[in-house]
C-alpha atoms as a PDB file:
ATOM      1  CA  MET A   1      71.542   1.403-114.976  1.00  0.00           C
ATOM      2  CA  ASN A   2      69.571   2.316-111.864  1.00  0.00           C
ATOM      3  CA  SER A   3      65.862   1.782-112.519  1.00  0.00           C
ATOM      4  CA  PHE A   4      64.606   3.356-109.296  1.00  0.00           C
ATOM      5  CA  ASN A   5      61.408   5.339-109.725  1.00  0.00           C
ATOM      6  CA  LYS A   6      61.817   8.629-107.893  1.00  0.00           C
ATOM      7  CA  THR A   7      58.081   9.313-108.000  1.00  0.00           C
ATOM      8  CA  GLU A   8      57.032   5.942-106.583  1.00  0.00           C
ATOM      9  CA  THR A   9      53.762   5.644-104.715  1.00  0.00           C
ATOM     10  CA  ALA A  10      53.426   4.167-101.237  1.00  0.00           C
ATOM     11  CA  ARG A  11      52.340   0.886-102.801  1.00  0.00           C
ATOM     12  CA  GLU A  12      55.348   0.882-105.129  1.00  0.00           C
ATOM     13  CA  LYS A  13      57.696   1.599-102.226  1.00  0.00           C
ATOM     14  CA  LYS A  14      56.256  -1.329-100.289  1.00  0.00           C
ATOM     15  CA  SER A  15      56.707  -3.540-103.345  1.00  0.00           C
ATOM     16  CA  ARG A  16      60.306  -2.378-103.732  1.00  0.00           C
ATOM     17  CA  ALA A  17      60.975  -3.070-100.047  1.00  0.00           C
ATOM     18  CA  ARG A  18      59.824  -6.658-100.516  1.00  0.00           C
ATOM     19  CA  LYS A  19      62.061  -7.059-103.565  1.00  0.00           C
ATOM     20  CA  ILE A  20      64.961  -5.757-101.476  1.00  0.00           C
ATOM     21  CA  ILE A  21      64.270  -8.347 -98.769  1.00  0.00           C
ATOM     22  CA  THR A  22      64.120 -11.131-101.358  1.00  0.00           C
ATOM     23  CA  ARG A  23      67.494 -10.174-102.821  1.00  0.00           C
ATOM     24  CA  LEU A  24      69.108  -9.787 -99.411  1.00  0.00           C
ATOM     25  CA  LYS A  25      67.879 -13.234 -98.377  1.00  0.00           C
ATOM     26  CA  ARG A  26      69.536 -14.694-101.443  1.00  0.00           C
ATOM     27  CA  ALA A  27      72.764 -12.793-100.765  1.00  0.00           C
ATOM     28  CA  TYR A  28      72.925 -13.597 -97.031  1.00  0.00           C
ATOM     29  CA  PRO A  29      71.134 -16.914 -96.444  1.00  0.00           C
ATOM     30  CA  ASP A  30      72.840 -17.408 -93.080  1.00  0.00           C
ATOM     31  CA  ALA A  31      72.081 -13.961 -91.643  1.00  0.00           C
ATOM     32  CA  LYS A  32      71.584 -14.069 -87.885  1.00  0.00           C
ATOM     33  CA  CYS A  33      72.405 -12.185 -84.690  1.00  0.00           C
ATOM     34  CA  SER A  34      76.174 -11.767 -84.477  1.00  0.00           C
ATOM     35  CA  LEU A  35      76.290 -11.545 -80.664  1.00  0.00           C
ATOM     36  CA  SER A  36      77.345 -14.874 -79.178  1.00  0.00           C
ATOM     37  CA  HIS A  37      74.862 -16.189 -76.608  1.00  0.00           C
ATOM     38  CA  LYS A  38      73.418 -19.434 -75.280  1.00  0.00           C
ATOM     39  CA  ASN A  39      70.115 -18.106 -73.963  1.00  0.00           C
ATOM     40  CA  PRO A  40      67.982 -14.933 -73.895  1.00  0.00           C
ATOM     41  CA  TYR A  41      69.590 -13.714 -70.656  1.00  0.00           C
ATOM     42  CA  GLN A  42      73.076 -13.836 -72.145  1.00  0.00           C
ATOM     43  CA  LEU A  43      71.756 -12.116 -75.266  1.00  0.00           C
ATOM     44  CA  MET A  44      70.310  -9.289 -73.173  1.00  0.00           C
ATOM     45  CA  VAL A  45      73.603  -8.757 -71.334  1.00  0.00           C
ATOM     46  CA  ALA A  46      75.603  -8.908 -74.577  1.00  0.00           C
ATOM     47  CA  THR A  47      73.280  -6.372 -76.200  1.00  0.00           C
ATOM     48  CA  ILE A  48      73.694  -3.988 -73.276  1.00  0.00           C
ATOM     49  CA  LEU A  49      77.470  -4.323 -73.691  1.00  0.00           C
ATOM     50  CA  SER A  50      77.243  -3.666 -77.441  1.00  0.00           C
ATOM     51  CA  ALA A  51      76.311   0.005 -76.967  1.00  0.00           C
ATOM     52  CA  GLN A  52      79.063   2.110 -78.559  1.00  0.00           C
ATOM     53  CA  CYS A  53      81.067  -1.081 -79.099  1.00  0.00           C
ATOM     54  CA  THR A  54      81.530  -3.644 -81.846  1.00  0.00           C
ATOM     55  CA  ASP A  55      79.910  -7.064 -81.619  1.00  0.00           C
ATOM     56  CA  GLU A  56      83.346  -8.593 -82.144  1.00  0.00           C
ATOM     57  CA  ARG A  57      84.679  -6.908 -79.018  1.00  0.00           C
ATOM     58  CA  VAL A  58      81.620  -7.934 -77.001  1.00  0.00           C
ATOM     59  CA  ASN A  59      82.091 -11.536 -78.127  1.00  0.00           C
ATOM     60  CA  MET A  60      85.649 -11.394 -76.802  1.00  0.00           C
ATOM     61  CA  VAL A  61      84.608 -10.493 -73.245  1.00  0.00           C
ATOM     62  CA  THR A  62      81.337 -12.368 -72.745  1.00  0.00           C
ATOM     63  CA  PRO A  63      82.820 -15.890 -72.523  1.00  0.00           C
ATOM     64  CA  GLU A  64      84.693 -14.946 -69.342  1.00  0.00           C
ATOM     65  CA  LEU A  65      81.770 -12.899 -68.018  1.00  0.00           C
ATOM     66  CA  PHE A  66      79.287 -15.752 -68.455  1.00  0.00           C
ATOM     67  CA  LYS A  67      81.767 -18.319 -67.181  1.00  0.00           C
ATOM     68  CA  ARG A  68      81.906 -16.466 -63.867  1.00  0.00           C
ATOM     69  CA  PHE A  69      78.309 -15.226 -63.782  1.00  0.00           C
ATOM     70  CA  PRO A  70      76.168 -17.415 -66.058  1.00  0.00           C
ATOM     71  CA  LYS A  71      72.744 -16.585 -64.578  1.00  0.00           C
ATOM     72  CA  PRO A  72      70.952 -13.552 -63.094  1.00  0.00           C
ATOM     73  CA  LYS A  73      71.433 -14.806 -59.523  1.00  0.00           C
ATOM     74  CA  ALA A  74      75.207 -14.972 -59.954  1.00  0.00           C
ATOM     75  CA  MET A  75      75.336 -11.606 -61.729  1.00  0.00           C
ATOM     76  CA  ALA A  76      73.250  -9.926 -59.041  1.00  0.00           C
ATOM     77  CA  ALA A  77      75.633 -11.154 -56.343  1.00  0.00           C
ATOM     78  CA  ALA A  78      78.825 -10.365 -58.269  1.00  0.00           C
ATOM     79  CA  PRO A  79      81.180  -7.629 -57.002  1.00  0.00           C
ATOM     80  CA  ILE A  80      80.673  -4.748 -59.394  1.00  0.00           C
ATOM     81  CA  GLU A  81      84.449  -4.198 -59.564  1.00  0.00           C
ATOM     82  CA  GLU A  82      84.849  -7.702 -60.940  1.00  0.00           C
ATOM     83  CA  ILE A  83      82.204  -7.097 -63.620  1.00  0.00           C
ATOM     84  CA  GLU A  84      83.898  -3.811 -64.520  1.00  0.00           C
ATOM     85  CA  GLU A  85      87.285  -5.448 -64.934  1.00  0.00           C
ATOM     86  CA  ILE A  86      85.943  -8.131 -67.272  1.00  0.00           C
ATOM     87  CA  ILE A  87      84.007  -5.725 -69.515  1.00  0.00           C
ATOM     88  CA  ARG A  88      86.459  -2.794 -69.372  1.00  0.00           C
ATOM     89  CA  SER A  89      87.439  -3.040 -73.049  1.00  0.00           C
ATOM     90  CA  THR A  90      83.831  -2.528 -74.237  1.00  0.00           C
ATOM     91  CA  GLY A  91      83.906   1.119 -73.172  1.00  0.00           C
ATOM     92  CA  PHE A  92      81.678   2.962 -70.672  1.00  0.00           C
ATOM     93  CA  TYR A  93      82.329  -0.064 -68.512  1.00  0.00           C
ATOM     94  CA  ARG A  94      81.286   1.496 -65.197  1.00  0.00           C
ATOM     95  CA  ASN A  95      77.825   2.415 -66.458  1.00  0.00           C
ATOM     96  CA  LYS A  96      77.469  -0.928 -68.237  1.00  0.00           C
ATOM     97  CA  ALA A  97      78.511  -2.886 -65.152  1.00  0.00           C
ATOM     98  CA  LYS A  98      76.005  -0.970 -63.047  1.00  0.00           C
ATOM     99  CA  SER A  99      73.249  -1.631 -65.593  1.00  0.00           C
ATOM    100  CA  ILE A 100      74.067  -5.348 -65.846  1.00  0.00           C
ATOM    101  CA  LYS A 101      74.151  -5.856 -62.068  1.00  0.00           C
ATOM    102  CA  ASN A 102      70.978  -3.829 -61.400  1.00  0.00           C
ATOM    103  CA  ASN A 103      69.303  -5.553 -64.336  1.00  0.00           C
ATOM    104  CA  ALA A 104      69.929  -8.940 -62.702  1.00  0.00           C
ATOM    105  CA  ILE A 105      68.722  -7.702 -59.321  1.00  0.00           C
ATOM    106  CA  MET A 106      65.449  -6.401 -60.792  1.00  0.00           C
ATOM    107  CA  LEU A 107      65.040  -9.491 -62.959  1.00  0.00           C
ATOM    108  CA  LEU A 108      65.130 -11.653 -59.832  1.00  0.00           C
ATOM    109  CA  ALA A 109      62.968  -9.360 -57.731  1.00  0.00           C
ATOM    110  CA  ASP A 110      60.242  -8.564 -60.263  1.00  0.00           C
ATOM    111  CA  PHE A 111      60.292 -11.440 -62.746  1.00  0.00           C
ATOM    112  CA  GLY A 112      61.564 -14.429 -60.773  1.00  0.00           C
ATOM    113  CA  GLY A 113      64.745 -14.489 -62.824  1.00  0.00           C
ATOM    114  CA  GLU A 114      62.835 -15.140 -66.056  1.00  0.00           C
ATOM    115  CA  ILE A 115      63.268 -12.876 -69.091  1.00  0.00           C
ATOM    116  CA  PRO A 116      59.988 -11.079 -69.871  1.00  0.00           C
ATOM    117  CA  ARG A 117      58.506 -11.671 -73.305  1.00  0.00           C
ATOM    118  CA  THR A 118      56.987  -8.267 -73.929  1.00  0.00           C
ATOM    119  CA  LEU A 119      58.694  -5.024 -74.853  1.00  0.00           C
ATOM    120  CA  ALA A 120      56.798  -3.119 -72.170  1.00  0.00           C
ATOM    121  CA  GLU A 121      58.166  -5.383 -69.438  1.00  0.00           C
ATOM    122  CA  LEU A 122      61.664  -5.685 -70.874  1.00  0.00           C
ATOM    123  CA  THR A 123      62.151  -1.934 -71.062  1.00  0.00           C
ATOM    124  CA  LYS A 124      61.526  -1.648 -67.325  1.00  0.00           C
ATOM    125  CA  LEU A 125      64.845  -3.402 -66.743  1.00  0.00           C
ATOM    126  CA  PRO A 126      68.016  -1.306 -66.257  1.00  0.00           C
ATOM    127  CA  GLY A 127      70.019  -0.942 -69.466  1.00  0.00           C
ATOM    128  CA  VAL A 128      67.173  -2.118 -71.698  1.00  0.00           C
ATOM    129  CA  GLY A 129      65.690   0.336 -74.175  1.00  0.00           C
ATOM    130  CA  ARG A 130      63.454  -0.389 -77.135  1.00  0.00           C
ATOM    131  CA  LYS A 131      66.370  -1.520 -79.315  1.00  0.00           C
ATOM    132  CA  THR A 132      67.789  -3.968 -76.758  1.00  0.00           C
ATOM    133  CA  GLY A 133      64.326  -5.236 -75.923  1.00  0.00           C
ATOM    134  CA  SER A 134      63.557  -5.885 -79.580  1.00  0.00           C
ATOM    135  CA  VAL A 135      66.863  -7.737 -80.010  1.00  0.00           C
ATOM    136  CA  VAL A 136      66.039 -10.003 -77.063  1.00  0.00           C
ATOM    137  CA  LEU A 137      62.509 -10.685 -78.253  1.00  0.00           C
ATOM    138  CA  GLY A 138      63.575 -11.268 -81.848  1.00  0.00           C
ATOM    139  CA  ALA A 139      66.815 -13.223 -81.578  1.00  0.00           C
ATOM    140  CA  GLY A 140      66.016 -14.724 -78.179  1.00  0.00           C
ATOM    141  CA  PHE A 141      62.392 -15.749 -78.561  1.00  0.00           C
ATOM    142  CA  GLY A 142      61.508 -15.256 -82.248  1.00  0.00           C
ATOM    143  CA  LEU A 143      58.951 -12.610 -81.288  1.00  0.00           C
ATOM    144  CA  ALA A 144      58.557  -9.502 -83.461  1.00  0.00           C
ATOM    145  CA  GLU A 145      57.265  -6.431 -81.656  1.00  0.00           C
ATOM    146  CA  GLY A 146      59.279  -4.056 -83.807  1.00  0.00           C
ATOM    147  CA  VAL A 147      62.302  -3.592 -86.057  1.00  0.00           C
ATOM    148  CA  VAL A 148      65.719  -3.208 -84.429  1.00  0.00           C
ATOM    149  CA  VAL A 149      67.262   0.018 -85.696  1.00  0.00           C
ATOM    150  CA  ASP A 150      71.036   0.123 -85.271  1.00  0.00           C
ATOM    151  CA  THR A 151      73.559   2.322 -87.079  1.00  0.00           C
ATOM    152  CA  HIS A 152      73.629   0.074 -90.162  1.00  0.00           C
ATOM    153  CA  VAL A 153      69.827   0.067 -90.380  1.00  0.00           C
ATOM    154  CA  VAL A 154      69.666   3.854 -90.019  1.00  0.00           C
ATOM    155  CA  ARG A 155      72.238   4.466 -92.738  1.00  0.00           C
ATOM    156  CA  ILE A 156      71.198   1.845 -95.265  1.00  0.00           C
ATOM    157  CA  SER A 157      67.431   2.256 -94.884  1.00  0.00           C
ATOM    158  CA  ARG A 158      67.913   5.937 -95.682  1.00  0.00           C
ATOM    159  CA  LEU A 159      70.206   5.180 -98.627  1.00  0.00           C
ATOM    160  CA  LEU A 160      67.586   2.782 -99.973  1.00  0.00           C
ATOM    161  CA  GLY A 161      64.988   5.506 -99.822  1.00  0.00           C
ATOM    162  CA  LEU A 162      62.775   3.551 -97.441  1.00  0.00           C
ATOM    163  CA  THR A 163      62.754   6.437 -94.984  1.00  0.00           C
ATOM    164  CA  ASN A 164      63.832  10.062 -94.805  1.00  0.00           C
ATOM    165  CA  GLU A 165      63.678  10.136 -91.025  1.00  0.00           C
ATOM    166  CA  LYS A 166      66.735  10.526 -88.816  1.00  0.00           C
ATOM    167  CA  THR A 167      65.675   9.174 -85.427  1.00  0.00           C
ATOM    168  CA  PRO A 168      65.485   5.423 -84.719  1.00  0.00           C
ATOM    169  CA  VAL A 169      61.875   5.618 -83.504  1.00  0.00           C
ATOM    170  CA  LYS A 170      60.641   7.307 -86.676  1.00  0.00           C
ATOM    171  CA  ILE A 171      62.780   5.094 -88.924  1.00  0.00           C
ATOM    172  CA  GLU A 172      61.336   2.038 -87.211  1.00  0.00           C
ATOM    173  CA  ARG A 173      57.827   3.352 -87.773  1.00  0.00           C
ATOM    174  CA  ASP A 174      58.499   3.715 -91.508  1.00  0.00           C
ATOM    175  CA  LEU A 175      60.064   0.259 -91.783  1.00  0.00           C
ATOM    176  CA  ILE A 176      57.163  -1.365 -89.937  1.00  0.00           C
ATOM    177  CA  SER A 177      54.790   0.155 -92.473  1.00  0.00           C
ATOM    178  CA  LEU A 178      56.806  -1.251 -95.407  1.00  0.00           C
ATOM    179  CA  LEU A 179      58.109  -4.645 -94.288  1.00  0.00           C
ATOM    180  CA  PRO A 180      56.100  -7.840 -93.785  1.00  0.00           C
ATOM    181  CA  LYS A 181      55.919  -8.601 -90.064  1.00  0.00           C
ATOM    182  CA  LYS A 182      57.450 -12.041 -90.669  1.00  0.00           C
ATOM    183  CA  ASP A 183      60.622 -10.252 -91.839  1.00  0.00           C
ATOM    184  CA  TRP A 184      60.920  -7.635 -89.091  1.00  0.00           C
ATOM    185  CA  ILE A 185      63.465  -9.689 -87.129  1.00  0.00           C
ATOM    186  CA  LEU A 186      65.504 -10.846 -90.103  1.00  0.00           C
ATOM    187  CA  TRP A 187      65.657  -7.390 -91.709  1.00  0.00           C
ATOM    188  CA  THR A 188      68.161  -6.094 -89.186  1.00  0.00           C
ATOM    189  CA  HIS A 189      70.472  -9.102 -89.551  1.00  0.00           C
ATOM    190  CA  LEU A 190      70.331  -8.850 -93.348  1.00  0.00           C
ATOM    191  CA  ILE A 191      71.101  -5.137 -93.328  1.00  0.00           C
ATOM    192  CA  ILE A 192      73.978  -5.557 -90.858  1.00  0.00           C
ATOM    193  CA  ASP A 193      75.544  -8.267 -93.039  1.00  0.00           C
ATOM    194  CA  HIS A 194      75.039  -6.105 -96.125  1.00  0.00           C
ATOM    195  CA  GLY A 195      76.556  -3.073 -94.411  1.00  0.00           C
ATOM    196  CA  ARG A 196      79.637  -5.036 -93.454  1.00  0.00           C
ATOM    197  CA  ALA A 197      80.119  -6.809 -96.786  1.00  0.00           C
ATOM    198  CA  VAL A 198      78.987  -4.439 -99.535  1.00  0.00           C
ATOM    199  CA  CYS A 199      77.300  -1.203 -98.456  1.00  0.00           C
ATOM    200  CA  ILE A 200      80.325  -0.144 -96.423  1.00  0.00           C
ATOM    201  CA  ALA A 201      79.995   3.381 -95.076  1.00  0.00           C
ATOM    202  CA  ARG A 202      83.345   4.702 -96.343  1.00  0.00           C
ATOM    203  CA  ARG A 203      83.594   2.696 -99.558  1.00  0.00           C
ATOM    204  CA  PRO A 204      80.265   1.304-100.777  1.00  0.00           C
ATOM    205  CA  GLN A 205      80.638  -1.361-103.461  1.00  0.00           C
ATOM    206  CA  CYS A 206      77.629  -0.213-105.492  1.00  0.00           C
ATOM    207  CA  GLN A 207      78.583  -1.997-108.723  1.00  0.00           C
ATOM    208  CA  GLU A 208      78.711  -5.307-106.854  1.00  0.00           C
ATOM    209  CA  CYS A 209      75.525  -4.688-104.888  1.00  0.00           C
ATOM    210  CA  PRO A 210      72.532  -6.978-105.436  1.00  0.00           C
ATOM    211  CA  LEU A 211      70.306  -3.983-104.670  1.00  0.00           C
ATOM    212  CA  HIS A 212      71.886  -1.718-107.269  1.00  0.00           C
ATOM    213  CA  LYS A 213      68.748  -1.346-109.406  1.00  0.00           C
ATOM    214  CA  LEU A 214      66.523  -0.900-106.401  1.00  0.00           C
ATOM    215  CA  CYS A 215      68.572   1.766-104.653  1.00  0.00           C
ATOM    216  CA  PRO A 216      68.199   5.528-105.316  1.00  0.00           C
ATOM    217  CA  SER A 217      71.675   6.122-103.891  1.00  0.00           C
ATOM    218  CA  ALA A 218      73.523   3.656-106.134  1.00  0.00           C
ATOM    219  CA  LEU A 219      76.615   5.174-107.729  1.00  0.00           C
END
Protein backbone atom coordinates (compact mmCIF):
# COMPACT_ATOMS: atom_id res chain seq x y z
CA MET A 1 0.00 0.00 0.00
CA ASN A 2 1.35 3.42 -0.93
CA SER A 3 1.86 5.48 2.22
CA PHE A 4 2.66 8.77 0.49
CA ASN A 5 1.22 11.80 2.25
CA LYS A 6 -0.37 14.02 -0.37
CA THR A 7 -0.52 16.97 2.03
CA GLU A 8 3.14 16.80 3.06
CA THR A 9 4.89 19.94 4.24
CA ALA A 10 8.16 21.22 2.81
CA ARG A 11 9.99 19.61 5.72
CA GLU A 12 8.25 16.29 5.12
CA LYS A 13 9.09 16.42 1.41
CA LYS A 14 12.75 17.01 2.23
CA SER A 15 12.66 14.07 4.64
CA ARG A 16 11.05 11.87 1.99
CA ALA A 17 13.69 12.91 -0.54
CA ARG A 18 16.42 11.76 1.83
CA LYS A 19 14.67 8.43 2.36
CA ILE A 20 14.50 8.04 -1.42
CA ILE A 21 18.25 8.65 -1.73
CA THR A 22 18.96 6.10 1.01
CA ARG A 23 16.91 3.41 -0.73
CA LEU A 24 18.41 4.17 -4.13
CA LYS A 25 21.93 3.90 -2.70
CA ARG A 26 21.07 0.46 -1.39
CA ALA A 27 19.55 -0.59 -4.72
CA TYR A 28 22.38 0.79 -6.90
CA PRO A 29 25.59 0.76 -4.84
CA ASP A 30 27.76 1.00 -7.96
CA ALA A 31 25.95 3.93 -9.58
CA LYS A 32 28.32 6.13 -11.57
CA CYS A 33 28.59 8.07 -14.83
CA SER A 34 27.91 5.69 -17.71
CA LEU A 35 29.97 7.63 -20.27
CA SER A 36 33.37 6.02 -20.74
CA HIS A 37 36.25 8.45 -20.18
CA LYS A 38 39.80 8.58 -18.86
CA ASN A 39 39.93 12.25 -17.90
CA PRO A 40 37.71 15.34 -17.61
CA TYR A 41 38.44 16.42 -21.20
CA GLN A 42 37.23 13.12 -22.61
CA LEU A 43 34.18 13.32 -20.35
CA MET A 44 33.34 16.78 -21.69
CA VAL A 45 33.59 15.61 -25.31
CA ALA A 46 31.54 12.47 -24.58
CA THR A 47 28.85 14.54 -22.87
CA ILE A 48 28.62 16.88 -25.86
CA LEU A 49 28.17 13.81 -28.07
CA SER A 50 25.47 12.40 -25.79
CA ALA A 51 22.93 15.08 -26.76
CA GLN A 52 19.97 13.33 -28.40
CA CYS A 53 21.95 10.08 -28.30
CA THR A 54 22.32 7.12 -25.96
CA ASP A 55 25.38 6.74 -23.77
CA GLU A 56 25.86 3.27 -25.25
CA ARG A 57 26.20 4.71 -28.75
CA VAL A 58 28.59 7.42 -27.54
CA ASN A 59 30.74 4.77 -25.87
CA MET A 60 30.96 2.96 -29.20
CA VAL A 61 32.47 5.94 -31.05
CA THR A 62 34.67 7.62 -28.45
CA PRO A 63 37.42 4.97 -28.34
CA GLU A 64 38.31 5.69 -31.98
CA LEU A 65 37.83 9.44 -31.53
CA PHE A 66 40.15 9.61 -28.53
CA LYS A 67 42.64 7.23 -30.12
CA ARG A 68 43.10 9.70 -32.97
CA PHE A 69 42.61 12.92 -30.99
CA PRO A 70 43.28 12.24 -27.30
CA LYS A 71 43.92 15.84 -26.17
CA PRO A 72 42.60 19.34 -26.96
CA LYS A 73 45.65 20.19 -29.10
CA ALA A 74 45.05 17.19 -31.36
CA MET A 75 41.31 17.83 -31.54
CA ALA A 76 41.81 21.49 -32.40
CA ALA A 77 44.08 20.56 -35.30
CA ALA A 78 41.92 17.69 -36.57
CA PRO A 79 40.19 17.97 -39.97
CA ILE A 80 36.54 18.52 -39.14
CA GLU A 81 35.53 16.00 -41.83
CA GLU A 82 37.47 13.32 -39.98
CA ILE A 83 35.73 14.16 -36.69
CA GLU A 84 32.37 14.08 -38.46
CA GLU A 85 33.01 10.66 -39.95
CA ILE A 86 33.94 9.14 -36.59
CA ILE A 87 30.94 10.56 -34.70
CA ARG A 88 28.38 10.30 -37.53
CA SER A 89 26.28 7.63 -35.80
CA THR A 90 25.63 9.85 -32.75
CA GLY A 91 23.33 12.10 -34.78
CA PHE A 92 23.62 15.85 -35.48
CA TYR A 93 27.22 15.01 -36.21
CA ARG A 94 28.06 18.18 -38.14
CA ASN A 95 27.02 20.46 -35.30
CA LYS A 96 28.68 18.20 -32.73
CA ALA A 97 31.93 18.06 -34.69
CA LYS A 98 31.96 21.84 -34.98
CA SER A 99 31.33 22.21 -31.24
CA ILE A 100 34.04 19.70 -30.31
CA LYS A 101 36.67 21.30 -32.57
CA ASN A 102 35.84 24.88 -31.54
CA ASN A 103 35.69 23.76 -27.91
CA ALA A 104 39.28 22.50 -28.16
CA ILE A 105 40.44 25.67 -29.91
CA MET A 106 38.94 27.90 -27.19
CA LEU A 107 40.18 25.60 -24.44
CA LEU A 108 43.74 26.06 -25.70
CA ALA A 109 43.42 29.78 -26.36
CA ASP A 110 41.63 30.84 -23.17
CA PHE A 111 42.45 28.15 -20.61
CA GLY A 112 45.84 26.79 -21.65
CA GLY A 113 44.28 23.45 -22.53
CA GLU A 114 43.14 22.88 -18.94
CA ILE A 115 39.49 22.13 -18.13
CA PRO A 116 38.00 24.95 -16.03
CA ARG A 117 36.63 23.99 -12.63
CA THR A 118 33.74 26.42 -12.41
CA LEU A 119 30.39 26.30 -14.17
CA ALA A 120 30.69 29.93 -15.24
CA GLU A 121 33.94 29.24 -17.09
CA LEU A 122 32.90 25.86 -18.48
CA THR A 123 29.73 27.24 -20.05
CA LYS A 124 31.79 29.71 -22.08
CA LEU A 125 33.11 26.78 -24.10
CA PRO A 126 31.33 25.77 -27.34
CA GLY A 127 28.90 22.90 -26.82
CA VAL A 128 28.88 23.24 -23.03
CA GLY A 129 25.64 24.24 -21.33
CA ARG A 130 24.75 23.99 -17.67
CA LYS A 131 24.01 20.26 -17.89
CA THR A 132 27.29 19.35 -19.60
CA GLY A 133 29.23 21.63 -17.29
CA SER A 134 27.69 20.02 -14.22
CA VAL A 135 28.50 16.55 -15.56
CA VAL A 136 32.15 17.52 -16.04
CA LEU A 137 32.43 19.12 -12.62
CA GLY A 138 30.64 16.26 -10.87
CA ALA A 139 31.96 13.13 -12.57
CA GLY A 140 35.26 14.69 -13.63
CA PHE A 141 36.30 16.59 -10.53
CA GLY A 142 33.85 15.60 -7.77
CA LEU A 143 32.62 19.20 -7.56
CA ALA A 144 28.91 19.89 -7.04
CA GLU A 145 27.68 23.21 -8.39
CA GLY A 146 24.27 21.84 -9.27
CA VAL A 147 22.19 18.77 -10.10
CA VAL A 148 22.42 17.33 -13.61
CA VAL A 149 18.91 17.15 -15.03
CA ASP A 150 18.60 14.72 -17.93
CA THR A 151 15.47 13.07 -19.32
CA HIS A 152 15.43 10.38 -16.61
CA VAL A 153 15.78 12.98 -13.86
CA VAL A 154 13.00 15.11 -15.33
CA ARG A 155 10.58 12.20 -15.61
CA ILE A 156 11.31 10.40 -12.36
CA SER A 157 11.68 13.48 -10.15
CA ARG A 158 8.21 14.52 -11.30
CA LEU A 159 6.79 11.03 -10.75
CA LEU A 160 8.24 11.06 -7.24
CA GLY A 161 6.48 14.31 -6.52
CA LEU A 162 9.72 16.15 -5.80
CA THR A 163 8.87 18.80 -8.37
CA ASN A 164 5.95 19.88 -10.53
CA GLU A 165 8.14 21.93 -12.83
CA LYS A 166 8.75 21.05 -16.47
CA THR A 167 11.96 22.86 -17.39
CA PRO A 168 15.39 21.53 -16.36
CA VAL A 169 16.40 24.82 -14.71
CA LYS A 170 13.34 24.92 -12.47
CA ILE A 171 13.51 21.19 -11.73
CA GLU A 172 17.14 21.60 -10.72
CA ARG A 173 16.20 24.46 -8.42
CA ASP A 174 13.62 22.28 -6.66
CA LEU A 175 16.02 19.35 -6.32
CA ILE A 176 18.77 21.56 -4.91
CA SER A 177 16.36 22.72 -2.22
CA LEU A 178 15.50 19.11 -1.26
CA LEU A 179 18.70 17.10 -1.64
CA PRO A 180 21.80 17.24 0.57
CA LYS A 181 24.62 18.88 -1.38
CA LYS A 182 26.82 15.81 -0.82
CA ASP A 183 24.31 13.82 -2.90
CA TRP A 184 23.80 16.27 -5.78
CA ILE A 185 26.28 14.44 -8.03
CA LEU A 186 25.20 10.92 -7.15
CA TRP A 187 21.47 11.68 -7.48
CA THR A 188 21.61 11.79 -11.26
CA HIS A 189 23.51 8.49 -11.54
CA LEU A 190 21.09 6.80 -9.14
CA ILE A 191 18.04 8.06 -11.01
CA ILE A 192 19.47 7.05 -14.40
CA ASP A 193 20.15 3.51 -13.13
CA HIS A 194 16.67 3.37 -11.61
CA GLY A 195 15.07 4.62 -14.82
CA ARG A 196 16.82 1.95 -16.84
CA ALA A 197 16.21 -0.94 -14.43
CA VAL A 198 12.84 -0.37 -12.77
CA CYS A 199 11.10 2.95 -13.45
CA ILE A 200 11.08 2.33 -17.19
CA ALA A 201 9.10 4.95 -19.08
CA ARG A 202 6.88 2.56 -21.06
CA ARG A 203 6.56 -0.21 -18.48
CA PRO A 204 7.36 0.88 -14.92
CA GLN A 205 7.86 -2.04 -12.53
CA CYS A 206 6.12 -0.35 -9.59
CA GLN A 207 5.52 -3.53 -7.57
CA GLU A 208 9.25 -4.28 -7.65
CA CYS A 209 10.31 -0.71 -6.92
CA PRO A 210 12.19 0.04 -3.70
CA LEU A 211 10.53 3.47 -3.72
CA HIS A 212 6.99 2.13 -3.98
CA LYS A 213 5.83 3.47 -0.61
CA LEU A 214 7.52 6.80 -1.13
CA CYS A 215 6.17 7.50 -4.60
CA PRO A 216 2.82 9.26 -5.27
CA SER A 217 2.76 7.78 -8.78
CA ALA A 218 3.17 4.13 -7.75
CA LEU A 219 0.63 1.86 -9.41
